[in-house]
Amino acid sequence: TFSAIGNIEGQWAAAGNPLTSQSELMLVSCDSKDNSCGGGLMDNACEWIVKENSGKVYTEKSYPYVSENGGEEPACKPHGHGVGATIT
């Protein structure tokens, strides 16, 4: 999850876009193909972004990472976030 977001941030910047911190929480909370706080695969994360989130990656500023007590990840909040990158 974190590696997928880091990769997207780097590729987005390498393509000439501003380096923008993207939201890991978007994947931790919303990507049902991976294991939330337990980790996941970059392929699954990117596939979820493209197929389930229309290629949109939200900014860290608009969907900041928070840790819940007791190991529970926060509920997915899929709307109202600023898009910092798009992937296809």
PDB file of N, CA and C in Angstrom:
ATOM      1  N   THR A   1       0.821  -1.187   0.000  1.00  0.00           N
ATOM      2  CA  THR A   1       0.000   0.000   0.000  1.00  0.00           C
ATOM      3  C   THR A   1       0.867   1.253   0.000  1.00  0.00           C
ATOM      4  N   PHE A   2       1.764   1.353   0.953  1.00  0.00           N
ATOM      5  CA  PHE A   2       2.639   2.525   1.025  1.00  0.00           C
ATOM      6  C   PHE A   2       3.608   2.544  -0.156  1.00  0.00           C
ATOM      7  N   SER A   3       4.079   1.376  -0.570  1.00  0.00           N
ATOM      8  CA  SER A   3       5.003   1.335  -1.710  1.00  0.00           C
ATOM      9  C   SER A   3       4.291   1.714  -2.998  1.00  0.00           C
ATOM     10  N   ALA A   4       3.034   1.329  -3.143  1.00  0.00           N
ATOM     11  CA  ALA A   4       2.276   1.698  -4.344  1.00  0.00           C
ATOM     12  C   ALA A   4       2.119   3.213  -4.422  1.00  0.00           C
ATOM     13  N   ILE A   5       1.759   3.837  -3.309  1.00  0.00           N
ATOM     14  CA  ILE A   5       1.590   5.292  -3.294  1.00  0.00           C
ATOM     15  C   ILE A   5       2.922   5.986  -3.551  1.00  0.00           C
ATOM     16  N   GLY A   6       4.002   5.501  -2.945  1.00  0.00           N
ATOM     17  CA  GLY A   6       5.327   6.079  -3.193  1.00  0.00           C
ATOM     18  C   GLY A   6       5.731   5.979  -4.647  1.00  0.00           C
ATOM     19  N   ASN A   7       5.435   4.850  -5.268  1.00  0.00           N
ATOM     20  CA  ASN A   7       5.732   4.663  -6.684  1.00  0.00           C
ATOM     21  C   ASN A   7       4.928   5.632  -7.540  1.00  0.00           C
ATOM     22  N   ILE A   8       3.659   5.767  -7.242  1.00  0.00           N
ATOM     23  CA  ILE A   8       2.798   6.683  -8.009  1.00  0.00           C
ATOM     24  C   ILE A   8       3.288   8.117  -7.857  1.00  0.00           C
ATOM     25  N   GLU A   9       3.653   8.516  -6.647  1.00  0.00           N
ATOM     26  CA  GLU A   9       4.180   9.870  -6.431  1.00  0.00           C
ATOM     27  C   GLU A   9       5.410  10.114  -7.300  1.00  0.00           C
ATOM     28  N   GLY A  10       6.328   9.165  -7.315  1.00  0.00           N
ATOM     29  CA  GLY A  10       7.554   9.312  -8.099  1.00  0.00           C
ATOM     30  C   GLY A  10       7.303   9.336  -9.591  1.00  0.00           C
ATOM     31  N   GLN A  11       6.457   8.444 -10.071  1.00  0.00           N
ATOM     32  CA  GLN A  11       6.151   8.397 -11.504  1.00  0.00           C
ATOM     33  C   GLN A  11       5.403   9.659 -11.949  1.00  0.00           C
ATOM     34  N   TRP A  12       4.511  10.135 -11.106  1.00  0.00           N
ATOM     35  CA  TRP A  12       3.756  11.358 -11.405  1.00  0.00           C
ATOM     36  C   TRP A  12       4.717  12.540 -11.552  1.00  0.00           C
ATOM     37  N   ALA A  13       5.680  12.651 -10.640  1.00  0.00           N
ATOM     38  CA  ALA A  13       6.663  13.738 -10.700  1.00  0.00           C
ATOM     39  C   ALA A  13       7.601  13.565 -11.891  1.00  0.00           C
ATOM     40  N   ALA A  14       8.014  12.335 -12.181  1.00  0.00           N
ATOM     41  CA  ALA A  14       8.906  12.075 -13.314  1.00  0.00           C
ATOM     42  C   ALA A  14       8.241  12.427 -14.644  1.00  0.00           C
ATOM     43  N   ALA A  15       6.913  12.391 -14.672  1.00  0.00           N
ATOM     44  CA  ALA A  15       6.170  12.740 -15.885  1.00  0.00           C
ATOM     45  C   ALA A  15       6.007  14.250 -16.038  1.00  0.00           C
ATOM     46  N   GLY A  16       6.621  15.032 -15.128  1.00  0.00           N
ATOM     47  CA  GLY A  16       6.592  16.482 -15.248  1.00  0.00           C
ATOM     48  C   GLY A  16       5.544  17.170 -14.407  1.00  0.00           C
ATOM     49  N   ASN A  17       4.875  16.424 -13.558  1.00  0.00           N
ATOM     50  CA  ASN A  17       3.865  17.002 -12.674  1.00  0.00           C
ATOM     51  C   ASN A  17       4.501  17.378 -11.340  1.00  0.00           C
ATOM     52  N   PRO A  18       3.859  18.249 -10.571  1.00  0.00           N
ATOM     53  CA  PRO A  18       4.418  18.613  -9.263  1.00  0.00           C
ATOM     54  C   PRO A  18       4.478  17.399  -8.338  1.00  0.00           C
ATOM     55  N   LEU A  19       5.542  17.305  -7.553  1.00  0.00           N
ATOM     56  CA  LEU A  19       5.644  16.243  -6.557  1.00  0.00           C
ATOM     57  C   LEU A  19       4.642  16.542  -5.451  1.00  0.00           C
ATOM     58  N   THR A  20       3.655  15.683  -5.330  1.00  0.00           N
ATOM     59  CA  THR A  20       2.565  15.879  -4.385  1.00  0.00           C
ATOM     60  C   THR A  20       2.426  14.642  -3.521  1.00  0.00           C
ATOM     61  N   SER A  21       2.315  14.829  -2.232  1.00  0.00           N
ATOM     62  CA  SER A  21       2.103  13.705  -1.328  1.00  0.00           C
ATOM     63  C   SER A  21       0.699  13.152  -1.540  1.00  0.00           C
ATOM     64  N   GLN A  22       0.620  11.844  -1.802  1.00  0.00           N
ATOM     65  CA  GLN A  22      -0.656  11.186  -2.076  1.00  0.00           C
ATOM     66  C   GLN A  22      -1.117  10.403  -0.845  1.00  0.00           C
ATOM     67  N   SER A  23      -2.374  10.044  -0.824  1.00  0.00           N
ATOM     68  CA  SER A  23      -2.995   9.444   0.355  1.00  0.00           C
ATOM     69  C   SER A  23      -2.826   7.928   0.440  1.00  0.00           C
ATOM     70  N   GLU A  24      -2.082   7.474   1.442  1.00  0.00           N
ATOM     71  CA  GLU A  24      -2.005   6.046   1.727  1.00  0.00           C
ATOM     72  C   GLU A  24      -3.317   5.550   2.332  1.00  0.00           C
ATOM     73  N   LEU A  25      -3.971   6.405   3.116  1.00  0.00           N
ATOM     74  CA  LEU A  25      -5.205   5.994   3.777  1.00  0.00           C
ATOM     75  C   LEU A  25      -6.284   5.614   2.773  1.00  0.00           C
ATOM     76  N   MET A  26      -6.281   6.242   1.607  1.00  0.00           N
ATOM     77  CA  MET A  26      -7.235   5.884   0.566  1.00  0.00           C
ATOM     78  C   MET A  26      -7.168   4.381   0.302  1.00  0.00           C
ATOM     79  N   LEU A  27      -5.954   3.839   0.176  1.00  0.00           N
ATOM     80  CA  LEU A  27      -5.802   2.407  -0.077  1.00  0.00           C
ATOM     81  C   LEU A  27      -6.044   1.578   1.177  1.00  0.00           C
ATOM     82  N   VAL A  28      -5.519   2.020   2.310  1.00  0.00           N
ATOM     83  CA  VAL A  28      -5.686   1.261   3.553  1.00  0.00           C
ATOM     84  C   VAL A  28      -7.170   1.067   3.856  1.00  0.00           C
ATOM     85  N   SER A  29      -7.958   2.109   3.686  1.00  0.00           N
ATOM     86  CA  SER A  29      -9.371   2.057   4.054  1.00  0.00           C
ATOM     87  C   SER A  29     -10.292   1.544   2.953  1.00  0.00           C
ATOM     88  N   CYS A  30      -9.961   1.791   1.698  1.00  0.00           N
ATOM     89  CA  CYS A  30     -10.915   1.526   0.620  1.00  0.00           C
ATOM     90  C   CYS A  30     -10.585   0.325  -0.268  1.00  0.00           C
ATOM     91  N   ASP A  31      -9.316  -0.013  -0.419  1.00  0.00           N
ATOM     92  CA  ASP A  31      -8.913  -1.109  -1.306  1.00  0.00           C
ATOM     93  C   ASP A  31      -9.232  -2.449  -0.653  1.00  0.00           C
ATOM     94  N   SER A  32     -10.297  -3.094  -1.110  1.00  0.00           N
ATOM     95  CA  SER A  32     -10.720  -4.365  -0.517  1.00  0.00           C
ATOM     96  C   SER A  32      -9.923  -5.562  -1.030  1.00  0.00           C
ATOM     97  N   LYS A  33      -9.072  -5.363  -2.045  1.00  0.00           N
ATOM     98  CA  LYS A  33      -8.273  -6.471  -2.582  1.00  0.00           C
ATOM     99  C   LYS A  33      -7.050  -6.756  -1.722  1.00  0.00           C
ATOM    100  N   ASP A  34      -6.637  -5.812  -0.906  1.00  0.00           N
ATOM    101  CA  ASP A  34      -5.449  -5.982  -0.088  1.00  0.00           C
ATOM    102  C   ASP A  34      -5.836  -6.129   1.383  1.00  0.00           C
ATOM    103  N   ASN A  35      -4.841  -6.136   2.246  1.00  0.00           N
ATOM    104  CA  ASN A  35      -5.046  -6.474   3.648  1.00  0.00           C
ATOM    105  C   ASN A  35      -4.961  -5.254   4.565  1.00  0.00           C
ATOM    106  N   SER A  36      -5.498  -4.138   4.143  1.00  0.00           N
ATOM    107  CA  SER A  36      -5.555  -2.916   4.955  1.00  0.00           C
ATOM    108  C   SER A  36      -4.227  -2.628   5.639  1.00  0.00           C
ATOM    109  N   CYS A  37      -4.248  -2.533   6.961  1.00  0.00           N
ATOM    110  CA  CYS A  37      -3.032  -2.234   7.722  1.00  0.00           C
ATOM    111  C   CYS A  37      -2.031  -3.380   7.694  1.00  0.00           C
ATOM    112  N   GLY A  38      -2.467  -4.568   7.270  1.00  0.00           N
ATOM    113  CA  GLY A  38      -1.593  -5.729   7.203  1.00  0.00           C
ATOM    114  C   GLY A  38      -0.748  -5.774   5.947  1.00  0.00           C
ATOM    115  N   GLY A  39      -0.923  -4.816   5.063  1.00  0.00           N
ATOM    116  CA  GLY A  39      -0.119  -4.760   3.845  1.00  0.00           C
ATOM    117  C   GLY A  39      -0.896  -5.209   2.621  1.00  0.00           C
ATOM    118  N   GLY A  40      -0.219  -5.178   1.499  1.00  0.00           N
ATOM    119  CA  GLY A  40      -0.853  -5.568   0.252  1.00  0.00           C
ATOM    120  C   GLY A  40       0.152  -5.572  -0.873  1.00  0.00           C
ATOM    121  N   LEU A  41      -0.320  -5.835  -2.056  1.00  0.00           N
ATOM    122  CA  LEU A  41       0.527  -5.897  -3.240  1.00  0.00           C
ATOM    123  C   LEU A  41       0.348  -4.647  -4.088  1.00  0.00           C
ATOM    124  N   MET A  42       1.454  -4.148  -4.636  1.00  0.00           N
ATOM    125  CA  MET A  42       1.385  -2.962  -5.494  1.00  0.00           C
ATOM    126  C   MET A  42       0.451  -3.193  -6.674  1.00  0.00           C
ATOM    127  N   ASP A  43       0.517  -4.378  -7.275  1.00  0.00           N
ATOM    128  CA  ASP A  43      -0.350  -4.672  -8.421  1.00  0.00           C
ATOM    129  C   ASP A  43      -1.821  -4.546  -8.045  1.00  0.00           C
ATOM    130  N   ASN A  44      -2.191  -5.126  -6.913  1.00  0.00           N
ATOM    131  CA  ASN A  44      -3.583  -5.041  -6.467  1.00  0.00           C
ATOM    132  C   ASN A  44      -3.991  -3.602  -6.188  1.00  0.00           C
ATOM    133  N   ALA A  45      -3.106  -2.853  -5.553  1.00  0.00           N
ATOM    134  CA  ALA A  45      -3.414  -1.461  -5.225  1.00  0.00           C
ATOM    135  C   ALA A  45      -3.646  -0.638  -6.489  1.00  0.00           C
ATOM    136  N   CYS A  46      -2.750  -0.785  -7.456  1.00  0.00           N
ATOM    137  CA  CYS A  46      -2.897  -0.026  -8.704  1.00  0.00           C
ATOM    138  C   CYS A  46      -4.135  -0.468  -9.473  1.00  0.00           C
ATOM    139  N   GLU A  47      -4.411  -1.763  -9.464  1.00  0.00           N
ATOM    140  CA  GLU A  47      -5.620  -2.256 -10.130  1.00  0.00           C
ATOM    141  C   GLU A  47      -6.869  -1.677  -9.477  1.00  0.00           C
ATOM    142  N   TRP A  48      -6.888  -1.607  -8.146  1.00  0.00           N
ATOM    143  CA  TRP A  48      -8.034  -1.031  -7.453  1.00  0.00           C
ATOM    144  C   TRP A  48      -8.208   0.437  -7.834  1.00  0.00           C
ATOM    145  N   ILE A  49      -7.108   1.188  -7.860  1.00  0.00           N
ATOM    146  CA  ILE A  49      -7.190   2.607  -8.206  1.00  0.00           C
ATOM    147  C   ILE A  49      -7.791   2.783  -9.593  1.00  0.00           C
ATOM    148  N   VAL A  50      -7.308   2.015 -10.554  1.00  0.00           N
ATOM    149  CA  VAL A  50      -7.771   2.155 -11.940  1.00  0.00           C
ATOM    150  C   VAL A  50      -9.218   1.685 -12.092  1.00  0.00           C
ATOM    151  N   LYS A  51      -9.525   0.499 -11.600  1.00  0.00           N
ATOM    152  CA  LYS A  51     -10.845  -0.094 -11.844  1.00  0.00           C
ATOM    153  C   LYS A  51     -11.937   0.411 -10.908  1.00  0.00           C
ATOM    154  N   GLU A  52     -11.595   0.633  -9.661  1.00  0.00           N
ATOM    155  CA  GLU A  52     -12.624   0.983  -8.677  1.00  0.00           C
ATOM    156  C   GLU A  52     -12.673   2.469  -8.333  1.00  0.00           C
ATOM    157  N   ASN A  53     -11.598   3.197  -8.637  1.00  0.00           N
ATOM    158  CA  ASN A  53     -11.553   4.617  -8.277  1.00  0.00           C
ATOM    159  C   ASN A  53     -11.283   5.495  -9.493  1.00  0.00           C
ATOM    160  N   SER A  54     -11.583   4.972 -10.672  1.00  0.00           N
ATOM    161  CA  SER A  54     -11.456   5.718 -11.934  1.00  0.00           C
ATOM    162  C   SER A  54     -10.067   6.308 -12.147  1.00  0.00           C
ATOM    163  N   GLY A  55      -9.032   5.642 -11.610  1.00  0.00           N
ATOM    164  CA  GLY A  55      -7.656   6.098 -11.795  1.00  0.00           C
ATOM    165  C   GLY A  55      -7.241   7.256 -10.908  1.00  0.00           C
ATOM    166  N   LYS A  56      -8.133   7.692 -10.021  1.00  0.00           N
ATOM    167  CA  LYS A  56      -7.854   8.864  -9.184  1.00  0.00           C
ATOM    168  C   LYS A  56      -7.106   8.480  -7.911  1.00  0.00           C
ATOM    169  N   VAL A  57      -6.063   9.245  -7.611  1.00  0.00           N
ATOM    170  CA  VAL A  57      -5.323   9.096  -6.364  1.00  0.00           C
ATOM    171  C   VAL A  57      -5.498  10.404  -5.598  1.00  0.00           C
ATOM    172  N   TYR A  58      -5.997  10.297  -4.384  1.00  0.00           N
ATOM    173  CA  TYR A  58      -6.273  11.488  -3.591  1.00  0.00           C
ATOM    174  C   TYR A  58      -5.013  12.015  -2.920  1.00  0.00           C
ATOM    175  N   THR A  59      -4.993  13.307  -2.684  1.00  0.00           N
ATOM    176  CA  THR A  59      -3.846  13.914  -2.005  1.00  0.00           C
ATOM    177  C   THR A  59      -3.857  13.555  -0.520  1.00  0.00           C
ATOM    178  N   GLU A  60      -2.667  13.515   0.048  1.00  0.00           N
ATOM    179  CA  GLU A  60      -2.526  13.293   1.493  1.00  0.00           C
ATOM    180  C   GLU A  60      -3.212  14.417   2.269  1.00  0.00           C
ATOM    181  N   LYS A  61      -3.143  15.625   1.737  1.00  0.00           N
ATOM    182  CA  LYS A  61      -3.762  16.780   2.407  1.00  0.00           C
ATOM    183  C   LYS A  61      -5.278  16.613   2.503  1.00  0.00           C
ATOM    184  N   SER A  62      -5.902  16.070   1.459  1.00  0.00           N
ATOM    185  CA  SER A  62      -7.357  15.945   1.457  1.00  0.00           C
ATOM    186  C   SER A  62      -7.856  14.671   2.143  1.00  0.00           C
ATOM    187  N   TYR A  63      -6.975  13.675   2.267  1.00  0.00           N
ATOM    188  CA  TYR A  63      -7.356  12.394   2.892  1.00  0.00           C
ATOM    189  C   TYR A  63      -6.163  11.918   3.718  1.00  0.00           C
ATOM    190  N   PRO A  64      -5.868  12.619   4.832  1.00  0.00           N
ATOM    191  CA  PRO A  64      -4.642  12.354   5.596  1.00  0.00           C
ATOM    192  C   PRO A  64      -4.658  11.000   6.299  1.00  0.00           C
ATOM    193  N   TYR A  65      -3.461  10.468   6.481  1.00  0.00           N
ATOM    194  CA  TYR A  65      -3.313   9.186   7.170  1.00  0.00           C
ATOM    195  C   TYR A  65      -3.540   9.370   8.660  1.00  0.00           C
ATOM    196  N   VAL A  66      -4.403   8.543   9.212  1.00  0.00           N
ATOM    197  CA  VAL A  66      -4.615   8.491  10.652  1.00  0.00           C
ATOM    198  C   VAL A  66      -4.612   7.028  11.065  1.00  0.00           C
ATOM    199  N   SER A  67      -4.127   6.772  12.243  1.00  0.00           N
ATOM    200  CA  SER A  67      -4.100   5.412  12.771  1.00  0.00           C
ATOM    201  C   SER A  67      -5.173   5.293  13.840  1.00  0.00           C
ATOM    202  N   GLU A  68      -5.947   4.234  13.757  1.00  0.00           N
ATOM    203  CA  GLU A  68      -6.993   4.000  14.753  1.00  0.00           C
ATOM    204  C   GLU A  68      -6.437   3.145  15.881  1.00  0.00           C
ATOM    205  N   ASN A  69      -6.916   3.364  17.070  1.00  0.00           N
ATOM    206  CA  ASN A  69      -6.518   2.532  18.212  1.00  0.00           C
ATOM    207  C   ASN A  69      -7.099   1.134  18.053  1.00  0.00           C
ATOM    208  N   GLY A  70      -6.358   0.141  18.482  1.00  0.00           N
ATOM    209  CA  GLY A  70      -6.858  -1.225  18.438  1.00  0.00           C
ATOM    210  C   GLY A  70      -6.654  -1.914  17.106  1.00  0.00           C
ATOM    211  N   GLY A  71      -5.923  -1.301  16.194  1.00  0.00           N
ATOM    212  CA  GLY A  71      -5.625  -1.945  14.924  1.00  0.00           C
ATOM    213  C   GLY A  71      -6.733  -1.898  13.891  1.00  0.00           C
ATOM    214  N   GLU A  72      -7.788  -1.169  14.144  1.00  0.00           N
ATOM    215  CA  GLU A  72      -8.877  -1.056  13.174  1.00  0.00           C
ATOM    216  C   GLU A  72      -8.582   0.092  12.219  1.00  0.00           C
ATOM    217  N   GLU A  73      -8.719  -0.179  10.920  1.00  0.00           N
ATOM    218  CA  GLU A  73      -8.508   0.912   9.982  1.00  0.00           C
ATOM    219  C   GLU A  73      -9.772   1.762   9.903  1.00  0.00           C
ATOM    220  N   PRO A  74      -9.601   3.061   9.633  1.00  0.00           N
ATOM    221  CA  PRO A  74     -10.760   3.945   9.505  1.00  0.00           C
ATOM    222  C   PRO A  74     -11.643   3.518   8.333  1.00  0.00           C
ATOM    223  N   ALA A  75     -12.919   3.810   8.435  1.00  0.00           N
ATOM    224  CA  ALA A  75     -13.856   3.486   7.362  1.00  0.00           C
ATOM    225  C   ALA A  75     -13.502   4.254   6.097  1.00  0.00           C
ATOM    226  N   CYS A  76     -13.784   3.641   4.966  1.00  0.00           N
ATOM    227  CA  CYS A  76     -13.537   4.268   3.665  1.00  0.00           C
ATOM    228  C   CYS A  76     -14.459   5.475   3.488  1.00  0.00           C
ATOM    229  N   LYS A  77     -13.872   6.579   3.061  1.00  0.00           N
ATOM    230  CA  LYS A  77     -14.634   7.791   2.752  1.00  0.00           C
ATOM    231  C   LYS A  77     -14.308   8.159   1.306  1.00  0.00           C
ATOM    232  N   PRO A  78     -15.041   7.598   0.350  1.00  0.00           N
ATOM    233  CA  PRO A  78     -14.647   7.694  -1.051  1.00  0.00           C
ATOM    234  C   PRO A  78     -14.945   9.007  -1.774  1.00  0.00           C
ATOM    235  N   HIS A  79     -15.591   9.959  -1.137  1.00  0.00           N
ATOM    236  CA  HIS A  79     -15.982  11.166  -1.863  1.00  0.00           C
ATOM    237  C   HIS A  79     -15.460  12.432  -1.192  1.00  0.00           C
ATOM    238  N   GLY A  80     -15.310  13.490  -1.993  1.00  0.00           N
ATOM    239  CA  GLY A  80     -14.966  14.798  -1.471  1.00  0.00           C
ATOM    240  C   GLY A  80     -13.495  15.053  -1.253  1.00  0.00           C
ATOM    241  N   HIS A  81     -12.638  14.309  -1.937  1.00  0.00           N
ATOM    242  CA  HIS A  81     -11.198  14.477  -1.759  1.00  0.00           C
ATOM    243  C   HIS A  81     -10.569  15.086  -3.006  1.00  0.00           C
ATOM    244  N   GLY A  82      -9.494  15.830  -2.804  1.00  0.00           N
ATOM    245  CA  GLY A  82      -8.763  16.408  -3.918  1.00  0.00           C
ATOM    246  C   GLY A  82      -7.931  15.348  -4.625  1.00  0.00           C
ATOM    247  N   VAL A  83      -7.972  15.355  -5.934  1.00  0.00           N
ATOM    248  CA  VAL A  83      -7.199  14.400  -6.729  1.00  0.00           C
ATOM    249  C   VAL A  83      -5.808  14.971  -6.958  1.00  0.00           C
ATOM    250  N   GLY A  84      -4.790  14.196  -6.587  1.00  0.00           N
ATOM    251  CA  GLY A  84      -3.410  14.639  -6.739  1.00  0.00           C
ATOM    252  C   GLY A  84      -2.705  14.007  -7.910  1.00  0.00           C
ATOM    253  N   ALA A  85      -3.244  12.879  -8.406  1.00  0.00           N
ATOM    254  CA  ALA A  85      -2.651  12.177  -9.542  1.00  0.00           C
ATOM    255  C   ALA A  85      -3.712  11.273 -10.149  1.00  0.00           C
ATOM    256  N   THR A  86      -3.500  10.912 -11.392  1.00  0.00           N
ATOM    257  CA  THR A  86      -4.345   9.911 -12.037  1.00  0.00           C
ATOM    258  C   THR A  86      -3.445   8.884 -12.707  1.00  0.00           C
ATOM    259  N   ILE A  87      -3.886   7.628 -12.678  1.00  0.00           N
ATOM    260  CA  ILE A  87      -3.138   6.567 -13.344  1.00  0.00           C
ATOM    261  C   ILE A  87      -4.077   5.796 -14.261  1.00  0.00           C
ATOM    262  N   THR A  88      -3.484   5.143 -15.240  1.00  0.00           N
ATOM    263  CA  THR A  88      -4.282   4.336 -16.174  1.00  0.00           C
ATOM    264  C   THR A  88      -3.721   2.942 -16.276  1.00  0.00           C
TER     265      THR A  88
END
